[in-house]
Amino acid sequence: MAGPESDHAQRELRFRSLYQANYLPVQAYAVNRLGQADDVPDVVAEVFTTAWRRLSAIPPSPGDRFWLYGTARRIIARRHRSASRLHNLLGRLAAERYPRQALAPTGDPAQDHLLAAVSELKSSQREALLLVHWEELSYAEAAEALGCSVNAIGIRVHKAKAHLRELPAARIPAAGPVHATIQSNGVKDGS
């Protein structure tokens, strides 16, 4: 007969496994969205706090990582909205001049130009593009993380690429692929 102590121990074991397998990818996801901002540890902590509270709602691997990415995306979006409201309230910035959060610089001028161009994309297109090409998720996995259809991901990625082709900053040839500042544990999507 399984008692409350056994249930709690199983819950702790599942969370520990989830945390160990996904901490670095979630941290890299946050760094890719926020740069080397002071908010990264707070976002990661909030993602795993939410995971602990909603542990029974998290699907088994590999869906757990997509669930965590979706949670991180919502937390970052909420932080951006809060910051925007604060800035508007204090009158520091006009709404049209509020800067978009830039991706972490790489030190390579060509790649930094590309990252600047990516940060100018619409947020939905940027997020889809980064999930598919930076986080190496399949369209189906990205759709699960963003809570939309696979077709919507395809359209967003296509529009993002078309927009990048039109930007002068994106026409500078890159020396190599753009990589996250903090690498994940090397798990590849395989798609």
N, C-alpha and C. Protein backbone atom coordinates (compact mmCIF):
# COMPACT_ATOMS: atom_id res chain seq x y z
N MET A 1 0.84 -1.18 0.00
CA MET A 1 0.00 0.00 0.00
C MET A 1 0.89 1.24 0.00
N ALA A 2 0.70 2.06 -0.99
CA ALA A 2 1.50 3.28 -1.13
C ALA A 2 0.86 4.38 -0.31
N GLY A 3 1.65 4.96 0.57
CA GLY A 3 1.16 6.02 1.42
C GLY A 3 1.61 7.37 0.92
N PRO A 4 1.26 8.41 1.66
CA PRO A 4 1.63 9.76 1.26
C PRO A 4 3.15 9.95 1.16
N GLU A 5 3.90 9.28 2.03
CA GLU A 5 5.37 9.42 1.98
C GLU A 5 5.92 8.81 0.70
N SER A 6 5.36 7.69 0.27
CA SER A 6 5.80 7.04 -0.96
C SER A 6 5.47 7.90 -2.17
N ASP A 7 4.26 8.49 -2.18
CA ASP A 7 3.87 9.38 -3.28
C ASP A 7 4.80 10.59 -3.35
N HIS A 8 5.12 11.14 -2.20
CA HIS A 8 6.02 12.31 -2.15
C HIS A 8 7.41 11.94 -2.65
N ALA A 9 7.89 10.77 -2.28
CA ALA A 9 9.22 10.31 -2.72
C ALA A 9 9.24 10.10 -4.23
N GLN A 10 8.17 9.53 -4.78
CA GLN A 10 8.09 9.34 -6.23
C GLN A 10 8.04 10.69 -6.95
N ARG A 11 7.31 11.62 -6.38
CA ARG A 11 7.20 12.96 -6.95
C ARG A 11 8.57 13.64 -6.96
N GLU A 12 9.29 13.54 -5.84
CA GLU A 12 10.63 14.12 -5.75
C GLU A 12 11.58 13.48 -6.75
N LEU A 13 11.50 12.17 -6.90
CA LEU A 13 12.36 11.46 -7.84
C LEU A 13 12.08 11.90 -9.28
N ARG A 14 10.82 12.03 -9.64
CA ARG A 14 10.47 12.48 -11.00
C ARG A 14 10.95 13.90 -11.23
N PHE A 15 10.76 14.77 -10.24
CA PHE A 15 11.20 16.15 -10.41
C PHE A 15 12.72 16.22 -10.53
N ARG A 16 13.42 15.49 -9.69
CA ARG A 16 14.89 15.50 -9.74
C ARG A 16 15.37 15.05 -11.13
N SER A 17 14.77 14.02 -11.66
CA SER A 17 15.13 13.53 -12.98
C SER A 17 14.82 14.58 -14.05
N LEU A 18 13.67 15.20 -13.97
CA LEU A 18 13.27 16.27 -14.90
C LEU A 18 14.26 17.43 -14.83
N TYR A 19 14.61 17.82 -13.64
CA TYR A 19 15.54 18.94 -13.42
C TYR A 19 16.92 18.64 -13.99
N GLN A 20 17.45 17.47 -13.67
CA GLN A 20 18.80 17.11 -14.12
C GLN A 20 18.87 17.00 -15.64
N ALA A 21 17.83 16.48 -16.27
CA ALA A 21 17.84 16.30 -17.72
C ALA A 21 17.60 17.60 -18.48
N ASN A 22 16.96 18.58 -17.84
CA ASN A 22 16.51 19.76 -18.58
C ASN A 22 17.05 21.09 -18.08
N TYR A 23 17.82 21.10 -17.01
CA TYR A 23 18.31 22.38 -16.48
C TYR A 23 19.12 23.16 -17.51
N LEU A 24 20.14 22.53 -18.10
CA LEU A 24 21.00 23.24 -19.06
C LEU A 24 20.24 23.67 -20.32
N PRO A 25 19.39 22.82 -20.91
CA PRO A 25 18.62 23.30 -22.07
C PRO A 25 17.68 24.46 -21.73
N VAL A 26 17.05 24.44 -20.58
CA VAL A 26 16.16 25.54 -20.19
C VAL A 26 16.99 26.80 -19.93
N GLN A 27 18.14 26.65 -19.31
CA GLN A 27 19.01 27.80 -19.08
C GLN A 27 19.48 28.39 -20.42
N ALA A 28 19.88 27.53 -21.35
CA ALA A 28 20.31 28.00 -22.67
C ALA A 28 19.16 28.70 -23.39
N TYR A 29 17.96 28.16 -23.26
CA TYR A 29 16.77 28.78 -23.86
C TYR A 29 16.60 30.20 -23.31
N ALA A 30 16.72 30.35 -21.99
CA ALA A 30 16.56 31.67 -21.37
C ALA A 30 17.67 32.62 -21.80
N VAL A 31 18.90 32.13 -21.87
CA VAL A 31 20.03 32.98 -22.32
C VAL A 31 19.80 33.41 -23.76
N ASN A 32 19.32 32.51 -24.60
CA ASN A 32 19.08 32.85 -26.00
C ASN A 32 18.02 33.92 -26.15
N ARG A 33 17.09 34.00 -25.21
CA ARG A 33 16.01 34.99 -25.29
C ARG A 33 16.36 36.28 -24.56
N LEU A 34 17.16 36.17 -23.50
CA LEU A 34 17.42 37.34 -22.65
C LEU A 34 18.85 37.84 -22.73
N GLY A 35 19.75 37.11 -23.38
CA GLY A 35 21.16 37.45 -23.34
C GLY A 35 21.70 37.07 -21.97
N GLN A 36 22.82 37.62 -21.62
CA GLN A 36 23.43 37.31 -20.31
C GLN A 36 22.81 38.20 -19.23
N ALA A 37 21.52 38.32 -19.25
CA ALA A 37 20.80 39.19 -18.31
C ALA A 37 20.75 38.57 -16.92
N ASP A 38 20.60 39.44 -15.94
CA ASP A 38 20.46 38.99 -14.56
C ASP A 38 19.17 38.20 -14.35
N ASP A 39 18.23 38.34 -15.29
CA ASP A 39 16.94 37.66 -15.16
C ASP A 39 17.01 36.16 -15.44
N VAL A 40 18.07 35.68 -16.10
CA VAL A 40 18.15 34.28 -16.51
C VAL A 40 17.97 33.32 -15.32
N PRO A 41 18.73 33.48 -14.22
CA PRO A 41 18.53 32.54 -13.10
C PRO A 41 17.11 32.60 -12.52
N ASP A 42 16.53 33.80 -12.51
CA ASP A 42 15.16 33.93 -11.99
C ASP A 42 14.16 33.22 -12.89
N VAL A 43 14.34 33.36 -14.20
CA VAL A 43 13.44 32.69 -15.15
C VAL A 43 13.56 31.18 -15.00
N VAL A 44 14.78 30.66 -14.95
CA VAL A 44 14.99 29.22 -14.82
C VAL A 44 14.37 28.72 -13.51
N ALA A 45 14.59 29.45 -12.44
CA ALA A 45 14.01 29.06 -11.15
C ALA A 45 12.48 29.04 -11.21
N GLU A 46 11.91 30.05 -11.86
CA GLU A 46 10.45 30.10 -11.96
C GLU A 46 9.90 28.97 -12.83
N VAL A 47 10.64 28.60 -13.88
CA VAL A 47 10.22 27.48 -14.73
C VAL A 47 10.15 26.20 -13.90
N PHE A 48 11.19 25.94 -13.11
CA PHE A 48 11.21 24.70 -12.35
C PHE A 48 10.29 24.75 -11.13
N THR A 49 10.02 25.93 -10.61
CA THR A 49 9.03 26.06 -9.54
C THR A 49 7.65 25.71 -10.10
N THR A 50 7.36 26.23 -11.28
CA THR A 50 6.09 25.90 -11.94
C THR A 50 6.03 24.41 -12.25
N ALA A 51 7.14 23.84 -12.69
CA ALA A 51 7.19 22.41 -12.98
C ALA A 51 6.89 21.59 -11.72
N TRP A 52 7.42 22.00 -10.59
CA TRP A 52 7.16 21.28 -9.33
C TRP A 52 5.68 21.34 -8.98
N ARG A 53 5.09 22.53 -9.12
CA ARG A 53 3.67 22.69 -8.78
C ARG A 53 2.77 21.91 -9.74
N ARG A 54 3.16 21.80 -11.00
CA ARG A 54 2.31 21.20 -12.02
C ARG A 54 2.89 19.89 -12.53
N LEU A 55 3.65 19.21 -11.70
CA LEU A 55 4.38 18.00 -12.10
C LEU A 55 3.48 16.96 -12.76
N SER A 56 2.28 16.82 -12.27
CA SER A 56 1.38 15.80 -12.83
C SER A 56 0.90 16.18 -14.24
N ALA A 57 1.00 17.45 -14.62
CA ALA A 57 0.56 17.90 -15.94
C ALA A 57 1.67 17.79 -16.99
N ILE A 58 2.89 17.52 -16.56
CA ILE A 58 4.02 17.48 -17.49
C ILE A 58 4.06 16.12 -18.18
N PRO A 59 4.10 16.14 -19.51
CA PRO A 59 4.14 14.86 -20.24
C PRO A 59 5.49 14.18 -20.05
N PRO A 60 5.55 12.89 -20.36
CA PRO A 60 6.84 12.19 -20.26
C PRO A 60 7.81 12.68 -21.33
N SER A 61 9.07 12.33 -21.17
CA SER A 61 10.11 12.71 -22.12
C SER A 61 9.79 12.15 -23.49
N PRO A 62 10.03 12.85 -24.57
CA PRO A 62 10.70 14.13 -24.72
C PRO A 62 9.76 15.32 -24.60
N GLY A 63 8.48 15.08 -24.42
CA GLY A 63 7.52 16.18 -24.33
C GLY A 63 7.73 17.07 -23.13
N ASP A 64 8.43 16.57 -22.11
CA ASP A 64 8.67 17.38 -20.92
C ASP A 64 9.50 18.62 -21.25
N ARG A 65 10.49 18.48 -22.12
CA ARG A 65 11.33 19.63 -22.47
C ARG A 65 10.51 20.69 -23.21
N PHE A 66 9.61 20.26 -24.09
CA PHE A 66 8.79 21.21 -24.83
C PHE A 66 7.84 21.93 -23.88
N TRP A 67 7.33 21.20 -22.89
CA TRP A 67 6.47 21.80 -21.88
C TRP A 67 7.26 22.87 -21.12
N LEU A 68 8.50 22.55 -20.75
CA LEU A 68 9.35 23.51 -20.03
C LEU A 68 9.68 24.72 -20.90
N TYR A 69 9.97 24.52 -22.19
CA TYR A 69 10.22 25.65 -23.11
C TYR A 69 8.98 26.54 -23.19
N GLY A 70 7.81 25.93 -23.31
CA GLY A 70 6.58 26.72 -23.36
C GLY A 70 6.37 27.53 -22.09
N THR A 71 6.69 26.91 -20.95
CA THR A 71 6.58 27.61 -19.67
C THR A 71 7.57 28.77 -19.61
N ALA A 72 8.79 28.53 -20.04
CA ALA A 72 9.81 29.59 -20.06
C ALA A 72 9.38 30.73 -20.97
N ARG A 73 8.83 30.40 -22.12
CA ARG A 73 8.37 31.43 -23.06
C ARG A 73 7.31 32.31 -22.41
N ARG A 74 6.35 31.70 -21.72
CA ARG A 74 5.30 32.48 -21.06
C ARG A 74 5.86 33.33 -19.92
N ILE A 75 6.81 32.80 -19.17
CA ILE A 75 7.41 33.56 -18.07
C ILE A 75 8.17 34.76 -18.62
N ILE A 76 8.94 34.55 -19.67
CA ILE A 76 9.70 35.66 -20.27
C ILE A 76 8.75 36.69 -20.85
N ALA A 77 7.69 36.24 -21.51
CA ALA A 77 6.71 37.18 -22.07
C ALA A 77 6.05 37.98 -20.96
N ARG A 78 5.71 37.32 -19.86
CA ARG A 78 5.09 38.02 -18.72
C ARG A 78 6.06 39.05 -18.15
N ARG A 79 7.34 38.70 -18.05
CA ARG A 79 8.34 39.65 -17.55
C ARG A 79 8.47 40.84 -18.48
N HIS A 80 8.45 40.58 -19.79
CA HIS A 80 8.52 41.68 -20.75
C HIS A 80 7.30 42.59 -20.62
N ARG A 81 6.11 41.99 -20.46
CA ARG A 81 4.90 42.80 -20.31
C ARG A 81 4.97 43.63 -19.03
N SER A 82 5.43 43.02 -17.94
CA SER A 82 5.55 43.75 -16.68
C SER A 82 6.54 44.90 -16.81
N ALA A 83 7.67 44.64 -17.43
CA ALA A 83 8.67 45.70 -17.62
C ALA A 83 8.11 46.80 -18.48
N SER A 84 7.39 46.44 -19.51
CA SER A 84 6.80 47.43 -20.40
C SER A 84 5.79 48.30 -19.66
N ARG A 85 4.94 47.66 -18.85
CA ARG A 85 3.96 48.43 -18.08
C ARG A 85 4.65 49.37 -17.10
N LEU A 86 5.71 48.88 -16.46
CA LEU A 86 6.44 49.72 -15.51
C LEU A 86 7.05 50.92 -16.21
N HIS A 87 7.69 50.67 -17.34
CA HIS A 87 8.30 51.77 -18.07
C HIS A 87 7.26 52.78 -18.55
N ASN A 88 6.13 52.29 -19.02
CA ASN A 88 5.07 53.20 -19.45
C ASN A 88 4.53 53.98 -18.28
N LEU A 89 4.35 53.32 -17.15
CA LEU A 89 3.83 53.99 -15.97
C LEU A 89 4.76 55.11 -15.53
N LEU A 90 6.04 54.86 -15.55
CA LEU A 90 7.01 55.86 -15.11
C LEU A 90 7.32 56.89 -16.18
N GLY A 91 6.82 56.68 -17.38
CA GLY A 91 7.04 57.64 -18.45
C GLY A 91 8.46 57.65 -18.99
N ARG A 92 9.23 56.59 -18.75
CA ARG A 92 10.62 56.57 -19.18
C ARG A 92 10.76 56.39 -20.69
N LEU A 93 9.89 55.54 -21.24
CA LEU A 93 10.00 55.26 -22.66
C LEU A 93 8.64 55.33 -23.31
N ALA A 94 8.57 55.86 -24.49
CA ALA A 94 7.34 55.81 -25.27
C ALA A 94 7.18 54.38 -25.80
N ALA A 95 5.97 53.95 -26.00
CA ALA A 95 5.71 52.56 -26.41
C ALA A 95 6.44 52.19 -27.70
N GLU A 96 6.50 53.10 -28.65
CA GLU A 96 7.16 52.75 -29.92
C GLU A 96 8.68 52.75 -29.82
N ARG A 97 9.25 53.26 -28.74
CA ARG A 97 10.69 53.30 -28.60
C ARG A 97 11.21 52.26 -27.63
N TYR A 98 10.33 51.43 -27.08
CA TYR A 98 10.77 50.40 -26.14
C TYR A 98 11.63 49.40 -26.88
N PRO A 99 12.90 49.22 -26.51
CA PRO A 99 13.79 48.35 -27.28
C PRO A 99 13.42 46.88 -27.12
N ARG A 100 13.62 46.16 -28.21
CA ARG A 100 13.44 44.71 -28.14
C ARG A 100 14.66 44.11 -27.48
N GLN A 101 14.45 43.01 -26.80
CA GLN A 101 15.55 42.33 -26.13
C GLN A 101 16.45 41.68 -27.17
N ALA A 102 17.71 42.03 -27.18
CA ALA A 102 18.64 41.49 -28.16
C ALA A 102 19.13 40.12 -27.72
N LEU A 103 19.47 39.30 -28.70
CA LEU A 103 20.06 38.00 -28.41
C LEU A 103 21.50 38.22 -27.97
N ALA A 104 22.07 37.26 -27.27
CA ALA A 104 23.42 37.38 -26.73
C ALA A 104 24.43 37.55 -27.86
N PRO A 105 25.31 38.57 -27.77
CA PRO A 105 26.32 38.75 -28.80
C PRO A 105 27.32 37.59 -28.80
N THR A 106 27.85 37.30 -29.99
CA THR A 106 28.75 36.17 -30.13
C THR A 106 30.21 36.59 -30.21
N GLY A 107 30.47 37.87 -30.50
CA GLY A 107 31.84 38.33 -30.69
C GLY A 107 32.24 38.32 -32.16
N ASP A 108 31.48 37.64 -33.00
CA ASP A 108 31.72 37.61 -34.44
C ASP A 108 30.82 38.67 -35.08
N PRO A 109 31.40 39.70 -35.74
CA PRO A 109 30.57 40.79 -36.29
C PRO A 109 29.48 40.31 -37.24
N ALA A 110 29.78 39.34 -38.10
CA ALA A 110 28.78 38.84 -39.04
C ALA A 110 27.63 38.17 -38.30
N GLN A 111 27.96 37.37 -37.30
CA GLN A 111 26.91 36.70 -36.53
C GLN A 111 26.13 37.69 -35.69
N ASP A 112 26.81 38.69 -35.15
CA ASP A 112 26.12 39.71 -34.36
C ASP A 112 25.13 40.50 -35.22
N HIS A 113 25.48 40.76 -36.49
CA HIS A 113 24.55 41.43 -37.40
C HIS A 113 23.33 40.56 -37.64
N LEU A 114 23.56 39.27 -37.81
CA LEU A 114 22.45 38.35 -38.02
C LEU A 114 21.56 38.30 -36.78
N LEU A 115 22.16 38.24 -35.59
CA LEU A 115 21.38 38.22 -34.35
C LEU A 115 20.57 39.50 -34.19
N ALA A 116 21.16 40.63 -34.57
CA ALA A 116 20.42 41.90 -34.50
C ALA A 116 19.22 41.86 -35.44
N ALA A 117 19.41 41.29 -36.63
CA ALA A 117 18.30 41.17 -37.57
C ALA A 117 17.22 40.24 -37.03
N VAL A 118 17.64 39.14 -36.42
CA VAL A 118 16.67 38.20 -35.84
C VAL A 118 15.87 38.88 -34.72
N SER A 119 16.53 39.70 -33.92
CA SER A 119 15.82 40.36 -32.82
C SER A 119 14.82 41.39 -33.31
N GLU A 120 14.91 41.79 -34.58
CA GLU A 120 13.96 42.74 -35.16
C GLU A 120 12.71 42.06 -35.72
N LEU A 121 12.71 40.74 -35.78
CA LEU A 121 11.53 40.02 -36.28
C LEU A 121 10.36 40.17 -35.32
N LYS A 122 9.16 39.94 -35.82
CA LYS A 122 7.99 39.87 -34.94
C LYS A 122 8.24 38.77 -33.93
N SER A 123 7.78 38.95 -32.72
CA SER A 123 8.09 37.99 -31.65
C SER A 123 7.63 36.57 -31.99
N SER A 124 6.46 36.41 -32.61
CA SER A 124 5.97 35.06 -32.93
C SER A 124 6.86 34.40 -33.98
N GLN A 125 7.33 35.19 -34.96
CA GLN A 125 8.21 34.64 -35.99
C GLN A 125 9.59 34.33 -35.41
N ARG A 126 10.09 35.24 -34.59
CA ARG A 126 11.41 35.04 -33.97
C ARG A 126 11.41 33.79 -33.10
N GLU A 127 10.37 33.62 -32.31
CA GLU A 127 10.30 32.47 -31.40
C GLU A 127 10.23 31.17 -32.19
N ALA A 128 9.42 31.13 -33.24
CA ALA A 128 9.32 29.92 -34.06
C ALA A 128 10.65 29.61 -34.73
N LEU A 129 11.29 30.63 -35.29
CA LEU A 129 12.58 30.45 -35.96
C LEU A 129 13.64 29.93 -34.99
N LEU A 130 13.70 30.51 -33.80
CA LEU A 130 14.71 30.10 -32.83
C LEU A 130 14.45 28.69 -32.31
N LEU A 131 13.20 28.33 -32.08
CA LEU A 131 12.91 26.98 -31.61
C LEU A 131 13.31 25.94 -32.65
N VAL A 132 13.02 26.23 -33.92
CA VAL A 132 13.30 25.25 -34.97
C VAL A 132 14.79 25.21 -35.32
N HIS A 133 15.42 26.37 -35.45
CA HIS A 133 16.79 26.38 -35.94
C HIS A 133 17.85 26.54 -34.86
N TRP A 134 17.50 27.04 -33.71
CA TRP A 134 18.49 27.22 -32.65
C TRP A 134 18.37 26.10 -31.62
N GLU A 135 17.14 25.86 -31.19
CA GLU A 135 16.90 24.80 -30.21
C GLU A 135 16.80 23.43 -30.89
N GLU A 136 16.76 23.43 -32.24
CA GLU A 136 16.72 22.23 -33.05
C GLU A 136 15.50 21.35 -32.78
N LEU A 137 14.34 21.99 -32.59
CA LEU A 137 13.10 21.25 -32.44
C LEU A 137 12.49 21.01 -33.82
N SER A 138 11.73 19.96 -33.94
CA SER A 138 10.97 19.75 -35.16
C SER A 138 9.80 20.74 -35.15
N TYR A 139 9.15 20.89 -36.29
CA TYR A 139 8.00 21.80 -36.35
C TYR A 139 6.91 21.35 -35.36
N ALA A 140 6.70 20.05 -35.25
CA ALA A 140 5.68 19.53 -34.33
C ALA A 140 6.06 19.84 -32.88
N GLU A 141 7.32 19.69 -32.54
CA GLU A 141 7.76 19.97 -31.17
C GLU A 141 7.67 21.46 -30.87
N ALA A 142 8.05 22.30 -31.83
CA ALA A 142 7.94 23.75 -31.65
C ALA A 142 6.47 24.16 -31.49
N ALA A 143 5.61 23.53 -32.27
CA ALA A 143 4.17 23.82 -32.15
C ALA A 143 3.65 23.47 -30.77
N GLU A 144 4.13 22.35 -30.23
CA GLU A 144 3.72 21.95 -28.88
C GLU A 144 4.22 22.96 -27.85
N ALA A 145 5.46 23.41 -28.00
CA ALA A 145 6.03 24.37 -27.06
C ALA A 145 5.31 25.71 -27.11
N LEU A 146 4.88 26.13 -28.31
CA LEU A 146 4.23 27.43 -28.47
C LEU A 146 2.71 27.36 -28.37
N GLY A 147 2.17 26.15 -28.32
CA GLY A 147 0.73 26.01 -28.20
C GLY A 147 -0.01 26.42 -29.46
N CYS A 148 0.54 26.09 -30.63
CA CYS A 148 -0.11 26.43 -31.89
C CYS A 148 0.00 25.22 -32.82
N SER A 149 -0.50 25.37 -34.04
CA SER A 149 -0.46 24.25 -34.99
C SER A 149 0.90 24.15 -35.67
N VAL A 150 1.17 22.98 -36.22
CA VAL A 150 2.40 22.77 -36.97
C VAL A 150 2.41 23.69 -38.18
N ASN A 151 1.27 23.86 -38.81
CA ASN A 151 1.15 24.76 -39.97
C ASN A 151 1.52 26.19 -39.58
N ALA A 152 1.08 26.64 -38.41
CA ALA A 152 1.41 27.99 -37.96
C ALA A 152 2.92 28.15 -37.78
N ILE A 153 3.57 27.12 -37.26
CA ILE A 153 5.04 27.17 -37.11
C ILE A 153 5.69 27.29 -38.48
N GLY A 154 5.24 26.49 -39.43
CA GLY A 154 5.79 26.53 -40.78
C GLY A 154 5.65 27.91 -41.40
N ILE A 155 4.50 28.51 -41.23
CA ILE A 155 4.26 29.85 -41.78
C ILE A 155 5.16 30.88 -41.10
N ARG A 156 5.26 30.81 -39.77
CA ARG A 156 6.09 31.77 -39.03
C ARG A 156 7.57 31.65 -39.41
N VAL A 157 8.06 30.42 -39.53
CA VAL A 157 9.46 30.21 -39.90
C VAL A 157 9.70 30.72 -41.32
N HIS A 158 8.78 30.42 -42.22
CA HIS A 158 8.91 30.87 -43.61
C HIS A 158 8.94 32.40 -43.67
N LYS A 159 8.02 33.06 -42.98
CA LYS A 159 7.98 34.52 -42.99
C LYS A 159 9.24 35.12 -42.36
N ALA A 160 9.73 34.49 -41.29
CA ALA A 160 10.94 34.99 -40.64
C ALA A 160 12.13 34.90 -41.60
N LYS A 161 12.25 33.77 -42.28
CA LYS A 161 13.36 33.61 -43.23
C LYS A 161 13.24 34.60 -44.38
N ALA A 162 12.03 34.79 -44.88
CA ALA A 162 11.82 35.74 -45.98
C ALA A 162 12.19 37.15 -45.53
N HIS A 163 11.81 37.50 -44.31
CA HIS A 163 12.14 38.83 -43.78
C HIS A 163 13.65 38.99 -43.61
N LEU A 164 14.32 37.97 -43.13
CA LEU A 164 15.77 38.04 -42.94
C LEU A 164 16.50 38.18 -44.27
N ARG A 165 15.97 37.55 -45.31
CA ARG A 165 16.60 37.68 -46.62
C ARG A 165 16.54 39.11 -47.14
N GLU A 166 15.53 39.86 -46.71
CA GLU A 166 15.35 41.24 -47.18
C GLU A 166 16.18 42.25 -46.40
N LEU A 167 16.66 41.87 -45.22
CA LEU A 167 17.39 42.82 -44.38
C LEU A 167 18.85 42.89 -44.77
N PRO A 168 19.40 44.11 -44.88
CA PRO A 168 20.82 44.24 -45.20
C PRO A 168 21.72 43.56 -44.16
N ALA A 169 21.37 43.63 -42.90
CA ALA A 169 22.21 43.04 -41.84
C ALA A 169 22.29 41.53 -41.99
N ALA A 170 21.27 40.91 -42.56
CA ALA A 170 21.26 39.46 -42.71
C ALA A 170 22.04 39.02 -43.94
N ARG A 171 22.39 39.94 -44.83
CA ARG A 171 23.10 39.57 -46.06
C ARG A 171 24.59 39.42 -45.87
N ILE A 172 25.10 39.77 -44.70
CA ILE A 172 26.52 39.61 -44.44
C ILE A 172 26.78 38.12 -44.22
N PRO A 173 27.69 37.51 -44.98
CA PRO A 173 27.91 36.07 -44.82
C PRO A 173 28.49 35.75 -43.45
N ALA A 174 27.90 34.79 -42.81
CA ALA A 174 28.37 34.38 -41.48
C ALA A 174 29.55 33.43 -41.63
N ALA A 175 30.46 33.49 -40.66
CA ALA A 175 31.63 32.62 -40.67
C ALA A 175 31.25 31.18 -40.37
N GLY A 176 30.16 30.96 -39.72
CA GLY A 176 29.73 29.61 -39.36
C GLY A 176 28.38 29.69 -38.70
N PRO A 177 27.86 28.58 -38.21
CA PRO A 177 26.55 28.58 -37.58
C PRO A 177 26.57 29.37 -36.28
N VAL A 178 25.41 29.97 -35.97
CA VAL A 178 25.26 30.71 -34.73
C VAL A 178 24.86 29.72 -33.65
N HIS A 179 25.58 29.70 -32.56
CA HIS A 179 25.31 28.76 -31.48
C HIS A 179 24.92 29.52 -30.22
N ALA A 180 24.20 28.86 -29.36
CA ALA A 180 23.80 29.45 -28.09
C ALA A 180 25.04 29.69 -27.24
N THR A 181 24.95 30.67 -26.36
CA THR A 181 26.06 30.99 -25.47
C THR A 181 26.32 29.84 -24.51
N ILE A 182 25.26 29.24 -24.00
CA ILE A 182 25.39 28.07 -23.13
C ILE A 182 24.79 26.90 -23.89
N GLN A 183 25.56 25.89 -24.14
CA GLN A 183 25.10 24.76 -24.92
C GLN A 183 24.25 23.83 -24.05
N SER A 184 23.30 23.17 -24.69
CA SER A 184 22.50 22.17 -23.98
C SER A 184 23.37 20.93 -23.79
N ASN A 185 22.77 19.89 -23.28
CA ASN A 185 23.53 18.68 -22.98
C ASN A 185 23.79 17.83 -24.22
N GLY A 186 23.64 18.41 -25.40
CA GLY A 186 23.99 17.73 -26.62
C GLY A 186 22.88 16.86 -27.18
N VAL A 187 21.69 16.88 -26.62
CA VAL A 187 20.58 16.09 -27.12
C VAL A 187 20.14 16.69 -28.44
N LYS A 188 20.12 15.90 -29.47
CA LYS A 188 19.70 16.36 -30.79
C LYS A 188 18.29 15.87 -31.06
N ASP A 189 17.57 16.67 -31.83
CA ASP A 189 16.20 16.36 -32.18
C ASP A 189 16.12 15.14 -33.08
N GLY A 190 17.05 15.03 -34.01
CA GLY A 190 17.06 13.89 -34.91
C GLY A 190 16.10 14.04 -36.07
N SER A 191 15.42 15.17 -36.21
CA SER A 191 14.51 15.34 -37.33
C SER A 191 15.18 16.06 -38.46
